[in-house]
C-alpha cells in the first residue's frame, strides 16, 4: 500500500533513530516504486538486504531503478513534462543518500494526488 509521508518528519525520525527509520524508509520507497510502476520483478526486501550486505554499493543500483520506475510510470500517466533524473539521484546518493531518498519520496507523494 502506498502511503504519503511527510519528508521533514521522515528525515527527523531518521536522525532520532540513528538511521533505523532510514532503513525502513528505503525499503518503503523500493516497494512503493514497484507498486506504482506495476513492476513484478524483484523485491524491496532483497534490494534492501543487498544494499546492507554490500555496504551501500547495491544502493546505487536500487536508487537508480526506483527513480527510473517512477519516471516510466509518470510518462505512462501522460505527463509530457516528466524528467528522468535517475542518474542525478544516483550520483547524489553517493554524497547525501537521505536527500536522494527524500526526492524519491516526493515523487511518490505526487502519485497520490
PDB file of N, CA and C in Angstrom:
ATOM      1  N   UNK A   1       0.835  -1.177   0.000  1.00  0.00           N
ATOM      2  CA  UNK A   1       0.000   0.000   0.000  1.00  0.00           C
ATOM      3  C   UNK A   1       0.883   1.245   0.000  1.00  0.00           C
ATOM      4  N   UNK A   2       0.522   2.173  -0.827  1.00  0.00           N
ATOM      5  CA  UNK A   2       1.301   3.399  -0.944  1.00  0.00           C
ATOM      6  C   UNK A   2       0.833   4.385   0.114  1.00  0.00           C
ATOM      7  N   UNK A   3       1.804   4.992   0.769  1.00  0.00           N
ATOM      8  CA  UNK A   3       1.486   5.906   1.866  1.00  0.00           C
ATOM      9  C   UNK A   3       2.206   7.238   1.632  1.00  0.00           C
ATOM     10  N   UNK A   4       1.480   8.314   1.814  1.00  0.00           N
ATOM     11  CA  UNK A   4       2.107   9.624   1.733  1.00  0.00           C
ATOM     12  C   UNK A   4       2.874   9.872   3.025  1.00  0.00           C
ATOM     13  N   UNK A   5       4.115  10.312   2.903  1.00  0.00           N
ATOM     14  CA  UNK A   5       4.938  10.594   4.076  1.00  0.00           C
ATOM     15  C   UNK A   5       5.363  12.049   4.076  1.00  0.00           C
ATOM     16  N   UNK A   6       5.384  12.621   5.251  1.00  0.00           N
ATOM     17  CA  UNK A   6       5.923  13.954   5.440  1.00  0.00           C
ATOM     18  C   UNK A   6       7.443  13.823   5.406  1.00  0.00           C
ATOM     19  N   UNK A   7       8.074  14.421   4.432  1.00  0.00           N
ATOM     20  CA  UNK A   7       9.511  14.233   4.218  1.00  0.00           C
ATOM     21  C   UNK A   7      10.326  14.798   5.376  1.00  0.00           C
ATOM     22  N   UNK A   8       9.935  15.951   5.877  1.00  0.00           N
ATOM     23  CA  UNK A   8      10.675  16.546   7.001  1.00  0.00           C
ATOM     24  C   UNK A   8      10.617  15.642   8.232  1.00  0.00           C
ATOM     25  N   UNK A   9       9.453  15.078   8.501  1.00  0.00           N
ATOM     26  CA  UNK A   9       9.313  14.174   9.654  1.00  0.00           C
ATOM     27  C   UNK A   9      10.115  12.888   9.438  1.00  0.00           C
ATOM     28  N   UNK A  10      10.139  12.390   8.205  1.00  0.00           N
ATOM     29  CA  UNK A  10      10.901  11.171   7.915  1.00  0.00           C
ATOM     30  C   UNK A  10      12.394  11.410   8.130  1.00  0.00           C
ATOM     31  N   UNK A  11      12.878  12.567   7.713  1.00  0.00           N
ATOM     32  CA  UNK A  11      14.289  12.903   7.941  1.00  0.00           C
ATOM     33  C   UNK A  11      14.560  13.036   9.435  1.00  0.00           C
ATOM     34  N   UNK A  12      13.659  13.702  10.146  1.00  0.00           N
ATOM     35  CA  UNK A  12      13.812  13.856  11.594  1.00  0.00           C
ATOM     36  C   UNK A  12      13.833  12.495  12.297  1.00  0.00           C
ATOM     37  N   UNK A  13      12.890  11.615  11.931  1.00  0.00           N
ATOM     38  CA  UNK A  13      12.858  10.275  12.529  1.00  0.00           C
ATOM     39  C   UNK A  13      14.131   9.490  12.212  1.00  0.00           C
ATOM     40  N   UNK A  14      14.676   9.694  11.017  1.00  0.00           N
ATOM     41  CA  UNK A  14      15.918   9.014  10.650  1.00  0.00           C
ATOM     42  C   UNK A  14      17.048   9.441  11.568  1.00  0.00           C
ATOM     43  N   UNK A  15      17.135  10.728  11.854  1.00  0.00           N
ATOM     44  CA  UNK A  15      18.193  11.209  12.755  1.00  0.00           C
ATOM     45  C   UNK A  15      17.940  10.778  14.200  1.00  0.00           C
ATOM     46  N   UNK A  16      16.693  10.848  14.641  1.00  0.00           N
ATOM     47  CA  UNK A  16      16.372  10.477  16.022  1.00  0.00           C
ATOM     48  C   UNK A  16      16.669   9.002  16.283  1.00  0.00           C
ATOM     49  N   UNK A  17      16.374   8.146  15.305  1.00  0.00           N
ATOM     50  CA  UNK A  17      16.573   6.703  15.483  1.00  0.00           C
ATOM     51  C   UNK A  17      17.949   6.239  15.003  1.00  0.00           C
ATOM     52  N   UNK A  18      18.849   7.166  14.771  1.00  0.00           N
ATOM     53  CA  UNK A  18      20.220   6.840  14.315  1.00  0.00           C
ATOM     54  C   UNK A  18      20.226   5.999  13.046  1.00  0.00           C
ATOM     55  N   UNK A  19      19.314   6.276  12.147  1.00  0.00           N
ATOM     56  CA  UNK A  19      19.297   5.628  10.849  1.00  0.00           C
ATOM     57  C   UNK A  19      18.363   4.438  10.710  1.00  0.00           C
ATOM     58  N   UNK A  20      17.792   3.965  11.805  1.00  0.00           N
ATOM     59  CA  UNK A  20      16.897   2.802  11.730  1.00  0.00           C
ATOM     60  C   UNK A  20      15.669   3.117  10.877  1.00  0.00           C
ATOM     61  N   UNK A  21      15.055   4.270  11.113  1.00  0.00           N
ATOM     62  CA  UNK A  21      13.898   4.642  10.302  1.00  0.00           C
ATOM     63  C   UNK A  21      14.307   4.838   8.845  1.00  0.00           C
ATOM     64  N   UNK A  22      15.514   5.296   8.594  1.00  0.00           N
ATOM     65  CA  UNK A  22      16.010   5.471   7.233  1.00  0.00           C
ATOM     66  C   UNK A  22      16.061   4.162   6.466  1.00  0.00           C
ATOM     67  N   UNK A  23      16.407   3.086   7.152  1.00  0.00           N
ATOM     68  CA  UNK A  23      16.424   1.768   6.518  1.00  0.00           C
ATOM     69  C   UNK A  23      15.006   1.355   6.137  1.00  0.00           C
ATOM     70  N   UNK A  24      14.073   1.549   7.059  1.00  0.00           N
ATOM     71  CA  UNK A  24      12.662   1.249   6.774  1.00  0.00           C
ATOM     72  C   UNK A  24      12.151   2.118   5.630  1.00  0.00           C
ATOM     73  N   UNK A  25      12.529   3.373   5.641  1.00  0.00           N
ATOM     74  CA  UNK A  25      12.092   4.324   4.607  1.00  0.00           C
ATOM     75  C   UNK A  25      12.601   3.890   3.239  1.00  0.00           C
ATOM     76  N   UNK A  26      13.852   3.456   3.168  1.00  0.00           N
ATOM     77  CA  UNK A  26      14.388   2.975   1.891  1.00  0.00           C
ATOM     78  C   UNK A  26      13.612   1.749   1.411  1.00  0.00           C
ATOM     79  N   UNK A  27      13.310   0.844   2.329  1.00  0.00           N
ATOM     80  CA  UNK A  27      12.515  -0.330   1.966  1.00  0.00           C
ATOM     81  C   UNK A  27      11.190   0.106   1.357  1.00  0.00           C
ATOM     82  N   UNK A  28      10.536   1.067   1.985  1.00  0.00           N
ATOM     83  CA  UNK A  28       9.233   1.519   1.504  1.00  0.00           C
ATOM     84  C   UNK A  28       9.318   2.190   0.139  1.00  0.00           C
ATOM     85  N   UNK A  29      10.360   2.983  -0.128  1.00  0.00           N
ATOM     86  CA  UNK A  29      10.433   3.608  -1.458  1.00  0.00           C
ATOM     87  C   UNK A  29      10.737   2.564  -2.532  1.00  0.00           C
ATOM     88  N   UNK A  30      11.529   1.552  -2.184  1.00  0.00           N
ATOM     89  CA  UNK A  30      11.777   0.479  -3.155  1.00  0.00           C
ATOM     90  C   UNK A  30      10.465  -0.256  -3.450  1.00  0.00           C
ATOM     91  N   UNK A  31       9.697  -0.548  -2.412  1.00  0.00           N
ATOM     92  CA  UNK A  31       8.441  -1.274  -2.566  1.00  0.00           C
ATOM     93  C   UNK A  31       7.394  -0.432  -3.296  1.00  0.00           C
ATOM     94  N   UNK A  32       7.236   0.810  -2.892  1.00  0.00           N
ATOM     95  CA  UNK A  32       6.204   1.658  -3.481  1.00  0.00           C
ATOM     96  C   UNK A  32       6.514   2.022  -4.925  1.00  0.00           C
ATOM     97  N   UNK A  33       7.788   2.132  -5.273  1.00  0.00           N
ATOM     98  CA  UNK A  33       8.120   2.408  -6.683  1.00  0.00           C
ATOM     99  C   UNK A  33       7.736   1.213  -7.548  1.00  0.00           C
ATOM    100  N   UNK A  34       7.862   0.003  -7.006  1.00  0.00           N
ATOM    101  CA  UNK A  34       7.425  -1.187  -7.746  1.00  0.00           C
ATOM    102  C   UNK A  34       5.901  -1.222  -7.888  1.00  0.00           C
ATOM    103  N   UNK A  35       5.194  -0.845  -6.830  1.00  0.00           N
ATOM    104  CA  UNK A  35       3.730  -0.835  -6.880  1.00  0.00           C
ATOM    105  C   UNK A  35       3.242   0.189  -7.900  1.00  0.00           C
ATOM    106  N   UNK A  36       3.800   1.374  -7.856  1.00  0.00           N
ATOM    107  CA  UNK A  36       3.370   2.442  -8.768  1.00  0.00           C
ATOM    108  C   UNK A  36       3.635   2.074 -10.221  1.00  0.00           C
ATOM    109  N   UNK A  37       4.790   1.479 -10.479  1.00  0.00           N
ATOM    110  CA  UNK A  37       5.148   1.147 -11.862  1.00  0.00           C
ATOM    111  C   UNK A  37       4.596  -0.205 -12.305  1.00  0.00           C
ATOM    112  N   UNK A  38       3.970  -0.922 -11.371  1.00  0.00           N
ATOM    113  CA  UNK A  38       3.426  -2.262 -11.647  1.00  0.00           C
ATOM    114  C   UNK A  38       4.520  -3.201 -12.160  1.00  0.00           C
ATOM    115  N   UNK A  39       5.678  -3.129 -11.518  1.00  0.00           N
ATOM    116  CA  UNK A  39       6.829  -3.955 -11.873  1.00  0.00           C
ATOM    117  C   UNK A  39       6.882  -5.156 -10.923  1.00  0.00           C
ATOM    118  N   UNK A  40       6.570  -6.352 -11.407  1.00  0.00           N
ATOM    119  CA  UNK A  40       6.531  -7.518 -10.516  1.00  0.00           C
ATOM    120  C   UNK A  40       7.905  -8.132 -10.233  1.00  0.00           C
ATOM    121  N   UNK A  41       8.925  -7.701 -10.938  1.00  0.00           N
ATOM    122  CA  UNK A  41      10.255  -8.301 -10.791  1.00  0.00           C
ATOM    123  C   UNK A  41      10.949  -7.838  -9.523  1.00  0.00           C
ATOM    124  N   UNK A  42      11.644  -8.762  -8.877  1.00  0.00           N
ATOM    125  CA  UNK A  42      12.434  -8.442  -7.696  1.00  0.00           C
ATOM    126  C   UNK A  42      11.582  -8.181  -6.476  1.00  0.00           C
ATOM    127  N   UNK A  43      12.261  -7.769  -5.410  1.00  0.00           N
ATOM    128  CA  UNK A  43      11.536  -7.433  -4.186  1.00  0.00           C
ATOM    129  C   UNK A  43      12.289  -6.337  -3.449  1.00  0.00           C
ATOM    130  N   UNK A  44      11.535  -5.553  -2.714  1.00  0.00           N
ATOM    131  CA  UNK A  44      12.138  -4.464  -1.948  1.00  0.00           C
ATOM    132  C   UNK A  44      13.018  -5.007  -0.841  1.00  0.00           C
ATOM    133  N   UNK A  45      12.609  -6.129  -0.247  1.00  0.00           N
ATOM    134  CA  UNK A  45      13.407  -6.744   0.807  1.00  0.00           C
ATOM    135  C   UNK A  45      14.773  -7.186   0.303  1.00  0.00           C
ATOM    136  N   UNK A  46      14.804  -7.761  -0.895  1.00  0.00           N
ATOM    137  CA  UNK A  46      16.070  -8.183  -1.480  1.00  0.00           C
ATOM    138  C   UNK A  46      16.943  -6.974  -1.805  1.00  0.00           C
ATOM    139  N   UNK A  47      16.328  -5.922  -2.329  1.00  0.00           N
ATOM    140  CA  UNK A  47      17.086  -4.693  -2.609  1.00  0.00           C
ATOM    141  C   UNK A  47      17.724  -4.148  -1.336  1.00  0.00           C
ATOM    142  N   UNK A  48      16.954  -4.114  -0.265  1.00  0.00           N
ATOM    143  CA  UNK A  48      17.469  -3.601   0.999  1.00  0.00           C
ATOM    144  C   UNK A  48      18.557  -4.512   1.562  1.00  0.00           C
ATOM    145  N   UNK A  49      18.347  -5.806   1.515  1.00  0.00           N
ATOM    146  CA  UNK A  49      19.337  -6.757   2.015  1.00  0.00           C
ATOM    147  C   UNK A  49      20.652  -6.637   1.247  1.00  0.00           C
ATOM    148  N   UNK A  50      20.564  -6.561  -0.073  1.00  0.00           N
ATOM    149  CA  UNK A  50      21.784  -6.424  -0.870  1.00  0.00           C
ATOM    150  C   UNK A  50      22.477  -5.085  -0.627  1.00  0.00           C
ATOM    151  N   UNK A  51      21.699  -4.051  -0.368  1.00  0.00           N
ATOM    152  CA  UNK A  51      22.281  -2.753  -0.039  1.00  0.00           C
ATOM    153  C   UNK A  51      23.066  -2.834   1.270  1.00  0.00           C
ATOM    154  N   UNK A  52      22.501  -3.513   2.259  1.00  0.00           N
ATOM    155  CA  UNK A  52      23.174  -3.642   3.556  1.00  0.00           C
ATOM    156  C   UNK A  52      24.401  -4.535   3.440  1.00  0.00           C
ATOM    157  N   UNK A  53      24.268  -5.685   2.770  1.00  0.00           N
ATOM    158  CA  UNK A  53      25.364  -6.647   2.660  1.00  0.00           C
ATOM    159  C   UNK A  53      26.544  -6.067   1.880  1.00  0.00           C
ATOM    160  N   UNK A  54      26.256  -5.258   0.874  1.00  0.00           N
ATOM    161  CA  UNK A  54      27.335  -4.668   0.070  1.00  0.00           C
ATOM    162  C   UNK A  54      27.794  -3.318   0.606  1.00  0.00           C
ATOM    163  N   UNK A  55      27.435  -3.029   1.839  1.00  0.00           N
ATOM    164  CA  UNK A  55      27.821  -1.760   2.490  1.00  0.00           C
ATOM    165  C   UNK A  55      27.379  -0.537   1.689  1.00  0.00           C
ATOM    166  N   UNK A  56      26.217  -0.630   1.089  1.00  0.00           N
ATOM    167  CA  UNK A  56      25.640   0.507   0.384  1.00  0.00           C
ATOM    168  C   UNK A  56      25.891   0.545  -1.106  1.00  0.00           C
ATOM    169  N   UNK A  57      26.758  -0.300  -1.622  1.00  0.00           N
ATOM    170  CA  UNK A  57      27.064  -0.244  -3.059  1.00  0.00           C
ATOM    171  C   UNK A  57      25.863  -0.616  -3.921  1.00  0.00           C
ATOM    172  N   UNK A  58      25.130  -1.631  -3.521  1.00  0.00           N
ATOM    173  CA  UNK A  58      23.946  -2.020  -4.284  1.00  0.00           C
ATOM    174  C   UNK A  58      22.882  -0.922  -4.223  1.00  0.00           C
ATOM    175  N   UNK A  59      22.955  -0.086  -3.215  1.00  0.00           N
ATOM    176  CA  UNK A  59      22.013   1.016  -3.076  1.00  0.00           C
ATOM    177  C   UNK A  59      22.034   1.960  -4.271  1.00  0.00           C
ATOM    178  N   UNK A  60      23.189   2.110  -4.895  1.00  0.00           N
ATOM    179  CA  UNK A  60      23.271   2.954  -6.088  1.00  0.00           C
ATOM    180  C   UNK A  60      22.344   2.419  -7.179  1.00  0.00           C
ATOM    181  N   UNK A  61      22.414   1.114  -7.402  1.00  0.00           N
ATOM    182  CA  UNK A  61      21.567   0.494  -8.419  1.00  0.00           C
ATOM    183  C   UNK A  61      20.094   0.558  -8.009  1.00  0.00           C
ATOM    184  N   UNK A  62      19.807   0.284  -6.736  1.00  0.00           N
ATOM    185  CA  UNK A  62      18.426   0.277  -6.257  1.00  0.00           C
ATOM    186  C   UNK A  62      17.789   1.667  -6.354  1.00  0.00           C
ATOM    187  N   UNK A  63      18.544   2.696  -6.009  1.00  0.00           N
ATOM    188  CA  UNK A  63      18.045   4.076  -6.122  1.00  0.00           C
ATOM    189  C   UNK A  63      17.806   4.426  -7.591  1.00  0.00           C
ATOM    190  N   UNK A  64      18.731   4.022  -8.440  1.00  0.00           N
ATOM    191  CA  UNK A  64      18.577   4.280  -9.879  1.00  0.00           C
ATOM    192  C   UNK A  64      17.309   3.615 -10.403  1.00  0.00           C
ATOM    193  N   UNK A  65      17.092   2.352 -10.037  1.00  0.00           N
ATOM    194  CA  UNK A  65      15.920   1.623 -10.517  1.00  0.00           C
ATOM    195  C   UNK A  65      14.623   2.223  -9.973  1.00  0.00           C
ATOM    196  N   UNK A  66      14.604   2.588  -8.703  1.00  0.00           N
ATOM    197  CA  UNK A  66      13.387   3.168  -8.117  1.00  0.00           C
ATOM    198  C   UNK A  66      13.029   4.475  -8.829  1.00  0.00           C
ATOM    199  N   UNK A  67      14.026   5.313  -9.056  1.00  0.00           N
ATOM    200  CA  UNK A  67      13.783   6.582  -9.738  1.00  0.00           C
ATOM    201  C   UNK A  67      13.367   6.351 -11.190  1.00  0.00           C
ATOM    202  N   UNK A  68      13.992   5.403 -11.831  1.00  0.00           N
ATOM    203  CA  UNK A  68      13.663   5.089 -13.220  1.00  0.00           C
ATOM    204  C   UNK A  68      12.238   4.546 -13.334  1.00  0.00           C
ATOM    205  N   UNK A  69      11.834   3.700 -12.388  1.00  0.00           N
ATOM    206  CA  UNK A  69      10.462   3.176 -12.394  1.00  0.00           C
ATOM    207  C   UNK A  69       9.437   4.303 -12.254  1.00  0.00           C
ATOM    208  N   UNK A  70       9.729   5.243 -11.366  1.00  0.00           N
ATOM    209  CA  UNK A  70       8.798   6.352 -11.161  1.00  0.00           C
ATOM    210  C   UNK A  70       8.715   7.244 -12.402  1.00  0.00           C
ATOM    211  N   UNK A  71       9.835   7.439 -13.069  1.00  0.00           N
ATOM    212  CA  UNK A  71       9.825   8.218 -14.311  1.00  0.00           C
ATOM    213  C   UNK A  71       8.958   7.528 -15.359  1.00  0.00           C
ATOM    214  N   UNK A  72       9.161   6.227 -15.525  1.00  0.00           N
ATOM    215  CA  UNK A  72       8.380   5.480 -16.517  1.00  0.00           C
ATOM    216  C   UNK A  72       6.892   5.501 -16.199  1.00  0.00           C
ATOM    217  N   UNK A  73       6.547   5.397 -14.916  1.00  0.00           N
ATOM    218  CA  UNK A  73       5.148   5.454 -14.509  1.00  0.00           C
ATOM    219  C   UNK A  73       4.568   6.842 -14.771  1.00  0.00           C
ATOM    220  N   UNK A  74       5.375   7.875 -14.565  1.00  0.00           N
ATOM    221  CA  UNK A  74       4.929   9.246 -14.813  1.00  0.00           C
ATOM    222  C   UNK A  74       4.662   9.452 -16.300  1.00  0.00           C
ATOM    223  N   UNK A  75       5.527   8.936 -17.144  1.00  0.00           N
ATOM    224  CA  UNK A  75       5.331   9.044 -18.591  1.00  0.00           C
ATOM    225  C   UNK A  75       4.094   8.255 -19.008  1.00  0.00           C
ATOM    226  N   UNK A  76       3.901   7.081 -18.420  1.00  0.00           N
ATOM    227  CA  UNK A  76       2.740   6.254 -18.747  1.00  0.00           C
ATOM    228  C   UNK A  76       1.433   6.956 -18.362  1.00  0.00           C
ATOM    229  N   UNK A  77       1.476   7.804 -17.354  1.00  0.00           N
ATOM    230  CA  UNK A  77       0.286   8.578 -16.945  1.00  0.00           C
ATOM    231  C   UNK A  77       0.003   9.736 -17.892  1.00  0.00           C
ATOM    232  N   UNK A  78       0.923   9.988 -18.821  1.00  0.00           N
ATOM    233  CA  UNK A  78       0.712  11.050 -19.791  1.00  0.00           C
ATOM    234  C   UNK A  78       1.400  12.355 -19.446  1.00  0.00           C
ATOM    235  N   UNK A  79       2.277  12.352 -18.474  1.00  0.00           N
ATOM    236  CA  UNK A  79       2.987  13.575 -18.101  1.00  0.00           C
ATOM    237  C   UNK A  79       4.095  13.836 -19.122  1.00  0.00           C
ATOM    238  N   UNK A  80       3.884  14.798 -19.978  1.00  0.00           N
ATOM    239  CA  UNK A  80       4.878  15.102 -21.010  1.00  0.00           C
ATOM    240  C   UNK A  80       6.037  15.930 -20.461  1.00  0.00           C
ATOM    241  N   UNK A  81       5.899  16.432 -19.256  1.00  0.00           N
ATOM    242  CA  UNK A  81       6.956  17.240 -18.645  1.00  0.00           C
ATOM    243  C   UNK A  81       7.806  16.444 -17.654  1.00  0.00           C
ATOM    244  N   UNK A  82       7.674  15.144 -17.643  1.00  0.00           N
ATOM    245  CA  UNK A  82       8.418  14.303 -16.699  1.00  0.00           C
ATOM    246  C   UNK A  82       9.914  14.369 -16.999  1.00  0.00           C
ATOM    247  N   UNK A  83      10.713  14.406 -15.949  1.00  0.00           N
ATOM    248  CA  UNK A  83      12.169  14.418 -16.076  1.00  0.00           C
ATOM    249  C   UNK A  83      12.737  13.119 -15.552  1.00  0.00           C
ATOM    250  N   UNK A  84      13.652  12.529 -16.315  1.00  0.00           N
ATOM    251  CA  UNK A  84      14.339  11.329 -15.848  1.00  0.00           C
ATOM    252  C   UNK A  84      15.615  11.778 -15.150  1.00  0.00           C
ATOM    253  N   UNK A  85      15.546  11.909 -13.836  1.00  0.00           N
ATOM    254  CA  UNK A  85      16.703  12.335 -13.065  1.00  0.00           C
ATOM    255  C   UNK A  85      17.324  11.172 -12.303  1.00  0.00           C
ATOM    256  N   UNK A  86      17.210   9.974 -12.858  1.00  0.00           N
ATOM    257  CA  UNK A  86      17.728   8.774 -12.213  1.00  0.00           C
ATOM    258  C   UNK A  86      19.235   8.848 -12.006  1.00  0.00           C
ATOM    259  N   UNK A  87      19.955   9.312 -13.002  1.00  0.00           N
ATOM    260  CA  UNK A  87      21.416   9.402 -12.889  1.00  0.00           C
ATOM    261  C   UNK A  87      21.799  10.452 -11.848  1.00  0.00           C
ATOM    262  N   UNK A  88      21.120  11.578 -11.857  1.00  0.00           N
ATOM    263  CA  UNK A  88      21.399  12.633 -10.886  1.00  0.00           C
ATOM    264  C   UNK A  88      21.168  12.142  -9.454  1.00  0.00           C
ATOM    265  N   UNK A  89      20.066  11.426  -9.225  1.00  0.00           N
ATOM    266  CA  UNK A  89      19.783  10.917  -7.889  1.00  0.00           C
ATOM    267  C   UNK A  89      20.778   9.836  -7.472  1.00  0.00           C
ATOM    268  N   UNK A  90      21.263   9.073  -8.428  1.00  0.00           N
ATOM    269  CA  UNK A  90      22.270   8.059  -8.123  1.00  0.00           C
ATOM    270  C   UNK A  90      23.577   8.710  -7.698  1.00  0.00           C
ATOM    271  N   UNK A  91      23.966   9.759  -8.388  1.00  0.00           N
ATOM    272  CA  UNK A  91      25.187  10.487  -8.013  1.00  0.00           C
ATOM    273  C   UNK A  91      24.988  11.174  -6.665  1.00  0.00           C
ATOM    274  N   UNK A  92      23.834  11.755  -6.445  1.00  0.00           N
ATOM    275  CA  UNK A  92      23.527  12.413  -5.179  1.00  0.00           C
ATOM    276  C   UNK A  92      23.534  11.417  -4.019  1.00  0.00           C
ATOM    277  N   UNK A  93      23.148  10.186  -4.285  1.00  0.00           N
ATOM    278  CA  UNK A  93      23.149   9.134  -3.268  1.00  0.00           C
ATOM    279  C   UNK A  93      24.550   8.932  -2.681  1.00  0.00           C
ATOM    280  N   UNK A  94      25.569   9.162  -3.478  1.00  0.00           N
ATOM    281  CA  UNK A  94      26.950   8.987  -3.001  1.00  0.00           C
ATOM    282  C   UNK A  94      27.311  10.020  -1.944  1.00  0.00           C
ATOM    283  N   UNK A  95      26.770  11.209  -2.051  1.00  0.00           N
ATOM    284  CA  UNK A  95      27.156  12.299  -1.152  1.00  0.00           C
ATOM    285  C   UNK A  95      26.138  12.565  -0.050  1.00  0.00           C
ATOM    286  N   UNK A  96      24.873  12.390  -0.364  1.00  0.00           N
ATOM    287  CA  UNK A  96      23.813  12.659   0.613  1.00  0.00           C
ATOM    288  C   UNK A  96      22.641  11.729   0.317  1.00  0.00           C
ATOM    289  N   UNK A  97      22.744  10.500   0.785  1.00  0.00           N
ATOM    290  CA  UNK A  97      21.728   9.499   0.453  1.00  0.00           C
ATOM    291  C   UNK A  97      20.346   9.894   0.952  1.00  0.00           C
ATOM    292  N   UNK A  98      20.277  10.571   2.082  1.00  0.00           N
ATOM    293  CA  UNK A  98      18.969  10.933   2.634  1.00  0.00           C
ATOM    294  C   UNK A  98      18.250  11.943   1.732  1.00  0.00           C
ATOM    295  N   UNK A  99      18.992  12.795   1.065  1.00  0.00           N
ATOM    296  CA  UNK A  99      18.376  13.751   0.139  1.00  0.00           C
ATOM    297  C   UNK A  99      17.842  13.018  -1.089  1.00  0.00           C
ATOM    298  N   UNK A 100      18.594  12.056  -1.558  1.00  0.00           N
ATOM    299  CA  UNK A 100      18.165  11.250  -2.684  1.00  0.00           C
ATOM    300  C   UNK A 100      16.867  10.503  -2.364  1.00  0.00           C
ATOM    301  N   UNK A 101      16.803   9.909  -1.188  1.00  0.00           N
ATOM    302  CA  UNK A 101      15.607   9.196  -0.750  1.00  0.00           C
ATOM    303  C   UNK A 101      14.444  10.182  -0.589  1.00  0.00           C
ATOM    304  N   UNK A 102      14.715  11.367  -0.079  1.00  0.00           N
ATOM    305  CA  UNK A 102      13.666  12.379   0.107  1.00  0.00           C
ATOM    306  C   UNK A 102      13.082  12.824  -1.233  1.00  0.00           C
ATOM    307  N   UNK A 103      13.916  12.965  -2.242  1.00  0.00           N
ATOM    308  CA  UNK A 103      13.419  13.368  -3.560  1.00  0.00           C
ATOM    309  C   UNK A 103      12.541  12.270  -4.157  1.00  0.00           C
ATOM    310  N   UNK A 104      12.956  11.031  -3.995  1.00  0.00           N
ATOM    311  CA  UNK A 104      12.138   9.923  -4.493  1.00  0.00           C
ATOM    312  C   UNK A 104      10.811   9.869  -3.741  1.00  0.00           C
ATOM    313  N   UNK A 105      10.847  10.112  -2.430  1.00  0.00           N
ATOM    314  CA  UNK A 105       9.593  10.146  -1.659  1.00  0.00           C
ATOM    315  C   UNK A 105       8.687  11.263  -2.156  1.00  0.00           C
ATOM    316  N   UNK A 106       9.266  12.384  -2.508  1.00  0.00           N
ATOM    317  CA  UNK A 106       8.484  13.486  -3.052  1.00  0.00           C
ATOM    318  C   UNK A 106       7.775  13.069  -4.347  1.00  0.00           C
ATOM    319  N   UNK A 107       8.474  12.317  -5.174  1.00  0.00           N
ATOM    320  CA  UNK A 107       7.867  11.822  -6.410  1.00  0.00           C
ATOM    321  C   UNK A 107       6.732  10.842  -6.113  1.00  0.00           C
ATOM    322  N   UNK A 108       6.952   9.970  -5.114  1.00  0.00           N
ATOM    323  CA  UNK A 108       5.907   9.027  -4.732  1.00  0.00           C
ATOM    324  C   UNK A 108       4.682   9.772  -4.206  1.00  0.00           C
ATOM    325  N   UNK A 109       4.912  10.808  -3.400  1.00  0.00           N
ATOM    326  CA  UNK A 109       3.791  11.589  -2.878  1.00  0.00           C
ATOM    327  C   UNK A 109       2.969  12.216  -3.995  1.00  0.00           C
ATOM    328  N   UNK A 110       3.604  12.616  -5.088  1.00  0.00           N
ATOM    329  CA  UNK A 110       2.884  13.226  -6.205  1.00  0.00           C
ATOM    330  C   UNK A 110       1.941  12.239  -6.877  1.00  0.00           C
ATOM    331  N   UNK A 111       2.252  10.952  -6.806  1.00  0.00           N
ATOM    332  CA  UNK A 111       1.383   9.961  -7.418  1.00  0.00           C
ATOM    333  C   UNK A 111       0.082   9.772  -6.647  1.00  0.00           C
ATOM    334  N   UNK A 112       0.034  10.244  -5.419  1.00  0.00           N
ATOM    335  CA  UNK A 112      -1.156  10.067  -4.601  1.00  0.00           C
ATOM    336  C   UNK A 112      -2.195  11.156  -4.821  1.00  0.00           C
ATOM    337  N   UNK A 113      -1.862  12.177  -5.601  1.00  0.00           N
ATOM    338  CA  UNK A 113      -2.812  13.259  -5.866  1.00  0.00           C
ATOM    339  C   UNK A 113      -3.616  12.983  -7.098  1.00  0.00           C
TER     340      UNK A 113
END
